[in-house]
Amino acid sequence: MQGRLSAWLVKHGLVHRSLGFDYQGTETLQIKPEDWHSIAVILYVYGYNYLRSQCAYDVAPGGLLASVYHLTRIEYGVDQPEEVCIKVFAPRNNPRIPSVFWVWKSADFQERESYDMLGICYDNHPRLKRILMPESWIGWPLRKDYIAPNFYEIQDAY
């Protein structure tokens, strides 16, 4: 079943794949990494002016990595804002997705966290570096094939 935004994107010749609706009725779309930045700008102009959240997950061990964006269209006088969920999948051997920092500034720390935990590189992000783990940390802790280092932190006994 195609939602309202998906129909609008088809009408304007924008490549995407409809993934249906979630349990709350939010339309979910899949966008290719190479199309994501231009479609993000179009969605912002279309009225999706608020990035509610960005997260990422590992689809399966050895499989794809996904970056997920929850966008909201906030307008005056509207009780129920329109929402959409965008999923961008990237290969795990070189996960590169265009950053939307320059479209929605709230993507800053959220994309950095996805980079830190899963190793997804967000192209053109102004400060893409670790945010939770030390800079010297090796690996991506939230990947399903991550092997935890074999050491224990020495803690003060007092």
N, C-alpha and C. Protein backbone atom coordinates (compact mmCIF):
# COMPACT_ATOMS: atom_id res chain seq x y z
N MET A 1 0.85 -1.19 0.00
CA MET A 1 0.00 0.00 0.00
C MET A 1 0.89 1.24 0.00
N GLN A 2 0.56 2.18 -0.85
CA GLN A 2 1.35 3.39 -1.00
C GLN A 2 0.73 4.53 -0.21
N GLY A 3 1.56 5.25 0.54
CA GLY A 3 1.09 6.38 1.32
C GLY A 3 1.09 7.66 0.52
N ARG A 4 0.64 8.72 1.17
CA ARG A 4 0.52 10.02 0.51
C ARG A 4 1.88 10.57 0.05
N LEU A 5 2.91 10.47 0.91
CA LEU A 5 4.22 10.98 0.52
C LEU A 5 4.83 10.15 -0.60
N SER A 6 4.69 8.83 -0.53
CA SER A 6 5.20 7.96 -1.57
C SER A 6 4.56 8.30 -2.91
N ALA A 7 3.26 8.53 -2.92
CA ALA A 7 2.55 8.90 -4.15
C ALA A 7 3.08 10.23 -4.69
N TRP A 8 3.35 11.18 -3.80
CA TRP A 8 3.89 12.49 -4.21
C TRP A 8 5.28 12.33 -4.81
N LEU A 9 6.12 11.49 -4.20
CA LEU A 9 7.47 11.25 -4.71
C LEU A 9 7.42 10.59 -6.09
N VAL A 10 6.51 9.62 -6.28
CA VAL A 10 6.35 8.95 -7.58
C VAL A 10 5.91 9.97 -8.63
N LYS A 11 4.95 10.82 -8.26
CA LYS A 11 4.43 11.84 -9.17
C LYS A 11 5.55 12.75 -9.68
N HIS A 12 6.54 13.01 -8.82
CA HIS A 12 7.64 13.91 -9.19
C HIS A 12 8.90 13.15 -9.63
N GLY A 13 8.77 11.86 -9.86
CA GLY A 13 9.86 11.07 -10.42
C GLY A 13 11.03 10.84 -9.48
N LEU A 14 10.79 10.81 -8.17
CA LEU A 14 11.86 10.60 -7.19
C LEU A 14 11.90 9.13 -6.78
N VAL A 15 13.06 8.52 -6.95
CA VAL A 15 13.23 7.09 -6.74
C VAL A 15 13.23 6.76 -5.24
N HIS A 16 12.40 5.81 -4.87
CA HIS A 16 12.31 5.32 -3.49
C HIS A 16 11.56 3.99 -3.52
N ARG A 17 11.45 3.38 -2.34
CA ARG A 17 10.67 2.15 -2.20
C ARG A 17 9.80 2.29 -0.97
N SER A 18 8.53 2.03 -1.11
CA SER A 18 7.62 2.10 0.02
C SER A 18 7.74 0.82 0.85
N LEU A 19 7.92 0.97 2.16
CA LEU A 19 8.01 -0.17 3.07
C LEU A 19 6.73 -0.33 3.89
N GLY A 20 5.70 0.40 3.51
CA GLY A 20 4.42 0.28 4.22
C GLY A 20 4.30 1.26 5.37
N PHE A 21 3.58 0.82 6.41
CA PHE A 21 3.30 1.67 7.56
C PHE A 21 3.67 0.93 8.83
N ASP A 22 4.10 1.68 9.85
CA ASP A 22 4.39 1.04 11.14
C ASP A 22 3.09 0.91 11.95
N TYR A 23 3.20 0.46 13.19
CA TYR A 23 2.02 0.19 14.01
C TYR A 23 1.24 1.47 14.35
N GLN A 24 1.87 2.64 14.22
CA GLN A 24 1.18 3.90 14.50
C GLN A 24 0.64 4.55 13.23
N GLY A 25 0.84 3.90 12.10
CA GLY A 25 0.36 4.44 10.85
C GLY A 25 1.35 5.38 10.17
N THR A 26 2.59 5.41 10.63
CA THR A 26 3.61 6.27 10.03
C THR A 26 4.16 5.60 8.78
N GLU A 27 4.15 6.33 7.68
CA GLU A 27 4.66 5.81 6.42
C GLU A 27 6.17 5.62 6.51
N THR A 28 6.66 4.50 5.99
CA THR A 28 8.09 4.19 5.99
C THR A 28 8.57 4.02 4.56
N LEU A 29 9.67 4.72 4.23
CA LEU A 29 10.21 4.69 2.88
C LEU A 29 11.68 4.29 2.93
N GLN A 30 12.12 3.61 1.89
CA GLN A 30 13.53 3.28 1.72
C GLN A 30 14.09 4.17 0.61
N ILE A 31 15.22 4.82 0.91
CA ILE A 31 15.89 5.69 -0.06
C ILE A 31 17.31 5.16 -0.25
N LYS A 32 17.80 5.16 -1.48
CA LYS A 32 19.18 4.74 -1.74
C LYS A 32 20.15 5.81 -1.23
N PRO A 33 21.33 5.39 -0.73
CA PRO A 33 22.29 6.38 -0.21
C PRO A 33 22.62 7.48 -1.20
N GLU A 34 22.78 7.14 -2.48
CA GLU A 34 23.16 8.15 -3.47
C GLU A 34 22.05 9.16 -3.75
N ASP A 35 20.79 8.82 -3.41
CA ASP A 35 19.66 9.73 -3.62
C ASP A 35 19.26 10.47 -2.35
N TRP A 36 19.81 10.07 -1.20
CA TRP A 36 19.31 10.56 0.08
C TRP A 36 19.46 12.06 0.25
N HIS A 37 20.59 12.65 -0.06
CA HIS A 37 20.76 14.08 0.21
C HIS A 37 19.78 14.93 -0.59
N SER A 38 19.64 14.65 -1.86
CA SER A 38 18.72 15.45 -2.68
C SER A 38 17.27 15.26 -2.23
N ILE A 39 16.89 14.04 -1.87
CA ILE A 39 15.52 13.81 -1.39
C ILE A 39 15.31 14.46 -0.03
N ALA A 40 16.35 14.48 0.82
CA ALA A 40 16.24 15.15 2.13
C ALA A 40 15.95 16.64 1.94
N VAL A 41 16.65 17.28 1.01
CA VAL A 41 16.41 18.70 0.74
C VAL A 41 14.99 18.90 0.22
N ILE A 42 14.54 18.03 -0.66
CA ILE A 42 13.18 18.12 -1.21
C ILE A 42 12.15 17.95 -0.09
N LEU A 43 12.38 16.99 0.82
CA LEU A 43 11.44 16.79 1.93
C LEU A 43 11.39 18.01 2.85
N TYR A 44 12.55 18.63 3.06
CA TYR A 44 12.58 19.85 3.90
C TYR A 44 11.75 20.95 3.23
N VAL A 45 11.94 21.15 1.95
CA VAL A 45 11.18 22.17 1.22
C VAL A 45 9.69 21.82 1.19
N TYR A 46 9.39 20.53 1.10
CA TYR A 46 8.00 20.05 1.09
C TYR A 46 7.31 20.30 2.43
N GLY A 47 8.09 20.52 3.48
CA GLY A 47 7.50 20.85 4.77
C GLY A 47 7.96 20.02 5.95
N TYR A 48 8.79 18.99 5.71
CA TYR A 48 9.30 18.18 6.81
C TYR A 48 10.46 18.94 7.44
N ASN A 49 10.11 19.88 8.33
CA ASN A 49 11.07 20.83 8.87
C ASN A 49 11.67 20.41 10.21
N TYR A 50 11.35 19.22 10.69
CA TYR A 50 11.84 18.79 12.00
C TYR A 50 12.33 17.34 11.93
N LEU A 51 13.59 17.14 12.26
CA LEU A 51 14.14 15.79 12.37
C LEU A 51 13.94 15.37 13.82
N ARG A 52 12.95 14.52 14.04
CA ARG A 52 12.61 14.09 15.41
C ARG A 52 13.69 13.19 15.98
N SER A 53 14.19 12.27 15.16
CA SER A 53 15.28 11.41 15.63
C SER A 53 15.98 10.77 14.45
N GLN A 54 17.21 10.40 14.70
CA GLN A 54 17.99 9.62 13.74
C GLN A 54 18.64 8.52 14.54
N CYS A 55 18.60 7.32 14.04
CA CYS A 55 19.25 6.20 14.71
C CYS A 55 19.79 5.26 13.64
N ALA A 56 20.48 4.24 14.05
CA ALA A 56 21.01 3.27 13.10
C ALA A 56 20.97 1.89 13.75
N TYR A 57 20.97 0.87 12.91
CA TYR A 57 21.01 -0.49 13.43
C TYR A 57 21.67 -1.41 12.43
N ASP A 58 22.09 -2.55 12.94
CA ASP A 58 22.71 -3.60 12.13
C ASP A 58 21.59 -4.57 11.75
N VAL A 59 21.33 -4.70 10.46
CA VAL A 59 20.21 -5.52 10.01
C VAL A 59 20.44 -7.00 10.35
N ALA A 60 21.64 -7.52 10.06
CA ALA A 60 21.96 -8.91 10.34
C ALA A 60 23.47 -9.07 10.35
N PRO A 61 24.00 -10.08 11.07
CA PRO A 61 25.45 -10.29 11.04
C PRO A 61 25.94 -10.47 9.60
N GLY A 62 26.90 -9.66 9.21
CA GLY A 62 27.42 -9.72 7.86
C GLY A 62 26.55 -9.06 6.82
N GLY A 63 25.41 -8.50 7.24
CA GLY A 63 24.47 -7.88 6.31
C GLY A 63 24.61 -6.38 6.23
N LEU A 64 23.52 -5.74 5.88
CA LEU A 64 23.50 -4.29 5.71
C LEU A 64 23.41 -3.55 7.03
N LEU A 65 23.80 -2.28 7.00
CA LEU A 65 23.58 -1.37 8.12
C LEU A 65 22.51 -0.38 7.68
N ALA A 66 21.67 0.06 8.61
CA ALA A 66 20.58 0.96 8.27
C ALA A 66 20.66 2.23 9.10
N SER A 67 20.43 3.35 8.45
CA SER A 67 20.31 4.64 9.12
C SER A 67 18.85 5.06 8.98
N VAL A 68 18.22 5.39 10.10
CA VAL A 68 16.78 5.64 10.12
C VAL A 68 16.53 7.08 10.57
N TYR A 69 15.68 7.77 9.81
CA TYR A 69 15.34 9.16 10.11
C TYR A 69 13.84 9.28 10.31
N HIS A 70 13.43 9.90 11.42
CA HIS A 70 12.02 10.17 11.68
C HIS A 70 11.79 11.66 11.49
N LEU A 71 11.05 12.01 10.45
CA LEU A 71 10.81 13.40 10.10
C LEU A 71 9.38 13.79 10.42
N THR A 72 9.21 15.04 10.83
CA THR A 72 7.89 15.55 11.18
C THR A 72 7.63 16.85 10.43
N ARG A 73 6.42 16.98 9.95
CA ARG A 73 5.98 18.19 9.26
C ARG A 73 5.16 19.01 10.24
N ILE A 74 5.78 20.06 10.79
CA ILE A 74 5.13 20.88 11.81
C ILE A 74 4.58 22.14 11.14
N GLU A 75 3.28 22.35 11.32
CA GLU A 75 2.61 23.53 10.77
C GLU A 75 1.72 24.14 11.84
N TYR A 76 1.56 25.45 11.80
CA TYR A 76 0.67 26.13 12.74
C TYR A 76 -0.77 25.74 12.46
N GLY A 77 -1.52 25.54 13.53
CA GLY A 77 -2.93 25.23 13.39
C GLY A 77 -3.23 23.77 13.09
N VAL A 78 -2.22 22.91 13.07
CA VAL A 78 -2.44 21.49 12.81
C VAL A 78 -2.24 20.71 14.11
N ASP A 79 -3.28 20.00 14.52
CA ASP A 79 -3.21 19.26 15.79
C ASP A 79 -2.33 18.02 15.70
N GLN A 80 -2.41 17.32 14.59
CA GLN A 80 -1.66 16.07 14.41
C GLN A 80 -0.65 16.25 13.28
N PRO A 81 0.63 16.50 13.62
CA PRO A 81 1.62 16.69 12.56
C PRO A 81 1.85 15.41 11.76
N GLU A 82 2.17 15.59 10.49
CA GLU A 82 2.43 14.46 9.59
C GLU A 82 3.86 13.97 9.83
N GLU A 83 4.03 12.65 9.89
CA GLU A 83 5.34 12.07 10.14
C GLU A 83 5.68 11.06 9.06
N VAL A 84 6.98 10.86 8.86
CA VAL A 84 7.46 9.84 7.92
C VAL A 84 8.75 9.26 8.48
N CYS A 85 8.97 8.01 8.19
CA CYS A 85 10.20 7.32 8.58
C CYS A 85 10.97 6.98 7.32
N ILE A 86 12.23 7.39 7.26
CA ILE A 86 13.08 7.12 6.10
C ILE A 86 14.19 6.16 6.52
N LYS A 87 14.38 5.10 5.74
CA LYS A 87 15.46 4.15 6.00
C LYS A 87 16.43 4.18 4.83
N VAL A 88 17.72 4.32 5.17
CA VAL A 88 18.77 4.32 4.17
C VAL A 88 19.71 3.17 4.52
N PHE A 89 19.84 2.19 3.64
CA PHE A 89 20.68 1.03 3.88
C PHE A 89 22.03 1.20 3.20
N ALA A 90 23.08 0.71 3.88
CA ALA A 90 24.44 0.82 3.35
C ALA A 90 25.17 -0.50 3.58
N PRO A 91 26.09 -0.86 2.66
CA PRO A 91 26.85 -2.10 2.85
C PRO A 91 27.81 -1.97 4.02
N ARG A 92 28.00 -3.05 4.76
CA ARG A 92 28.81 -2.98 5.97
C ARG A 92 30.30 -2.82 5.67
N ASN A 93 30.77 -3.24 4.49
CA ASN A 93 32.21 -3.13 4.21
C ASN A 93 32.63 -1.69 3.94
N ASN A 94 31.73 -0.82 3.49
CA ASN A 94 32.03 0.59 3.29
C ASN A 94 30.74 1.40 3.46
N PRO A 95 30.24 1.50 4.70
CA PRO A 95 28.95 2.16 4.92
C PRO A 95 29.07 3.68 4.84
N ARG A 96 28.67 4.26 3.73
CA ARG A 96 28.74 5.70 3.52
C ARG A 96 27.35 6.21 3.14
N ILE A 97 26.91 7.24 3.88
CA ILE A 97 25.61 7.85 3.65
C ILE A 97 25.82 9.36 3.71
N PRO A 98 25.21 10.13 2.83
CA PRO A 98 25.35 11.59 2.91
C PRO A 98 24.76 12.12 4.22
N SER A 99 25.47 13.02 4.85
CA SER A 99 24.97 13.65 6.07
C SER A 99 23.85 14.62 5.75
N VAL A 100 22.88 14.70 6.65
CA VAL A 100 21.81 15.70 6.49
C VAL A 100 21.98 16.82 7.52
N PHE A 101 23.17 16.95 8.07
CA PHE A 101 23.45 18.02 9.03
C PHE A 101 23.11 19.38 8.46
N TRP A 102 23.42 19.59 7.18
CA TRP A 102 23.20 20.91 6.58
C TRP A 102 21.73 21.15 6.25
N VAL A 103 20.90 20.12 6.36
CA VAL A 103 19.45 20.26 6.16
C VAL A 103 18.77 20.42 7.53
N TRP A 104 19.07 19.50 8.44
CA TRP A 104 18.53 19.54 9.81
C TRP A 104 19.73 19.52 10.77
N LYS A 105 19.98 20.62 11.44
CA LYS A 105 21.13 20.73 12.35
C LYS A 105 21.05 19.72 13.50
N SER A 106 19.85 19.27 13.83
CA SER A 106 19.70 18.30 14.93
C SER A 106 20.30 16.94 14.59
N ALA A 107 20.72 16.73 13.37
CA ALA A 107 21.36 15.46 12.98
C ALA A 107 22.79 15.36 13.50
N ASP A 108 23.35 16.44 14.00
CA ASP A 108 24.76 16.50 14.39
C ASP A 108 25.16 15.36 15.33
N PHE A 109 24.70 15.39 16.56
CA PHE A 109 25.11 14.38 17.55
C PHE A 109 24.54 13.00 17.21
N GLN A 110 23.37 12.95 16.58
CA GLN A 110 22.75 11.67 16.28
C GLN A 110 23.54 10.91 15.22
N GLU A 111 24.00 11.60 14.18
CA GLU A 111 24.84 10.94 13.18
C GLU A 111 26.19 10.57 13.77
N ARG A 112 26.71 11.39 14.65
CA ARG A 112 27.99 11.05 15.31
C ARG A 112 27.85 9.78 16.15
N GLU A 113 26.73 9.63 16.84
CA GLU A 113 26.51 8.42 17.64
C GLU A 113 26.41 7.19 16.74
N SER A 114 25.72 7.31 15.61
CA SER A 114 25.62 6.18 14.68
C SER A 114 26.99 5.81 14.11
N TYR A 115 27.81 6.82 13.86
CA TYR A 115 29.18 6.57 13.41
C TYR A 115 29.97 5.85 14.51
N ASP A 116 29.86 6.35 15.72
CA ASP A 116 30.61 5.81 16.84
C ASP A 116 30.24 4.36 17.16
N MET A 117 28.98 4.03 17.10
CA MET A 117 28.52 2.70 17.50
C MET A 117 28.50 1.68 16.36
N LEU A 118 28.29 2.14 15.11
CA LEU A 118 28.15 1.20 13.99
C LEU A 118 29.14 1.44 12.85
N GLY A 119 29.85 2.55 12.87
CA GLY A 119 30.84 2.82 11.84
C GLY A 119 30.29 3.33 10.53
N ILE A 120 29.08 3.89 10.54
CA ILE A 120 28.52 4.47 9.32
C ILE A 120 29.14 5.85 9.12
N CYS A 121 29.79 6.06 7.99
CA CYS A 121 30.41 7.35 7.69
C CYS A 121 29.38 8.26 7.02
N TYR A 122 29.16 9.41 7.59
CA TYR A 122 28.23 10.39 7.05
C TYR A 122 29.02 11.45 6.29
N ASP A 123 29.01 11.34 4.98
CA ASP A 123 29.77 12.25 4.12
C ASP A 123 29.33 13.69 4.31
N ASN A 124 30.30 14.59 4.39
CA ASN A 124 30.11 16.04 4.55
C ASN A 124 29.60 16.44 5.92
N HIS A 125 29.71 15.56 6.91
CA HIS A 125 29.40 15.95 8.28
C HIS A 125 30.57 16.79 8.79
N PRO A 126 30.31 17.93 9.43
CA PRO A 126 31.42 18.82 9.81
C PRO A 126 32.31 18.32 10.94
N ARG A 127 31.81 17.45 11.81
CA ARG A 127 32.59 17.00 12.97
C ARG A 127 32.40 15.50 13.22
N LEU A 128 32.56 14.70 12.21
CA LEU A 128 32.31 13.27 12.36
C LEU A 128 33.48 12.62 13.11
N LYS A 129 33.27 12.42 14.40
CA LYS A 129 34.26 11.73 15.24
C LYS A 129 33.49 11.06 16.36
N ARG A 130 34.19 10.21 17.10
CA ARG A 130 33.53 9.47 18.19
C ARG A 130 32.94 10.44 19.21
N ILE A 131 31.79 10.04 19.76
CA ILE A 131 31.11 10.89 20.73
C ILE A 131 30.92 10.17 22.07
N LEU A 132 30.85 8.84 22.07
CA LEU A 132 30.65 8.07 23.29
C LEU A 132 31.89 7.26 23.68
N MET A 133 32.54 6.68 22.70
CA MET A 133 33.71 5.84 22.96
C MET A 133 34.98 6.69 22.85
N PRO A 134 36.06 6.27 23.51
CA PRO A 134 37.31 7.01 23.35
C PRO A 134 37.81 6.94 21.90
N GLU A 135 38.53 7.96 21.48
CA GLU A 135 39.05 8.01 20.10
C GLU A 135 39.91 6.79 19.77
N SER A 136 40.54 6.21 20.79
CA SER A 136 41.44 5.07 20.57
C SER A 136 40.70 3.74 20.45
N TRP A 137 39.37 3.74 20.63
CA TRP A 137 38.59 2.50 20.61
C TRP A 137 38.65 1.86 19.24
N ILE A 138 38.80 0.56 19.20
CA ILE A 138 38.86 -0.18 17.95
C ILE A 138 37.55 -0.93 17.75
N GLY A 139 36.94 -0.74 16.59
CA GLY A 139 35.72 -1.47 16.26
C GLY A 139 34.46 -0.65 16.50
N TRP A 140 33.33 -1.30 16.22
CA TRP A 140 32.00 -0.67 16.27
C TRP A 140 31.12 -1.50 17.18
N PRO A 141 30.94 -1.09 18.44
CA PRO A 141 30.31 -1.92 19.48
C PRO A 141 28.89 -2.42 19.22
N LEU A 142 28.09 -1.74 18.40
CA LEU A 142 26.71 -2.20 18.20
C LEU A 142 26.53 -3.07 16.96
N ARG A 143 27.60 -3.38 16.28
CA ARG A 143 27.48 -4.31 15.16
C ARG A 143 27.30 -5.72 15.71
N LYS A 144 26.47 -6.50 15.05
CA LYS A 144 26.16 -7.84 15.55
C LYS A 144 27.36 -8.78 15.49
N ASP A 145 28.33 -8.48 14.65
CA ASP A 145 29.52 -9.33 14.57
C ASP A 145 30.70 -8.77 15.38
N TYR A 146 30.43 -7.79 16.24
CA TYR A 146 31.48 -7.17 17.06
C TYR A 146 31.93 -8.16 18.13
N ILE A 147 33.24 -8.27 18.28
CA ILE A 147 33.81 -9.10 19.34
C ILE A 147 34.40 -8.18 20.38
N ALA A 148 33.90 -8.27 21.60
CA ALA A 148 34.35 -7.38 22.67
C ALA A 148 35.81 -7.65 23.00
N PRO A 149 36.58 -6.58 23.27
CA PRO A 149 37.99 -6.77 23.63
C PRO A 149 38.11 -7.57 24.93
N ASN A 150 39.17 -8.33 25.02
CA ASN A 150 39.37 -9.21 26.17
C ASN A 150 40.20 -8.50 27.24
N PHE A 151 39.60 -7.51 27.89
CA PHE A 151 40.29 -6.82 28.98
C PHE A 151 39.25 -6.34 29.98
N TYR A 152 39.71 -6.01 31.15
CA TYR A 152 38.83 -5.50 32.19
C TYR A 152 39.39 -4.17 32.69
N GLU A 153 38.52 -3.24 32.91
CA GLU A 153 38.93 -1.94 33.42
C GLU A 153 39.30 -2.08 34.89
N ILE A 154 40.43 -1.53 35.24
CA ILE A 154 40.85 -1.55 36.64
C ILE A 154 40.11 -0.43 37.36
N GLN A 155 39.38 -0.80 38.40
CA GLN A 155 38.60 0.19 39.12
C GLN A 155 39.20 0.43 40.49
N ASP A 156 39.03 1.64 40.95
CA ASP A 156 39.53 2.02 42.26
C ASP A 156 38.71 1.30 43.33
N ALA A 157 39.36 0.68 44.29
CA ALA A 157 38.69 -0.10 45.31
C ALA A 157 38.10 0.77 46.43
N TYR A 158 38.39 2.04 46.42
CA TYR A 158 37.93 2.89 47.53
C TYR A 158 36.58 3.44 47.29
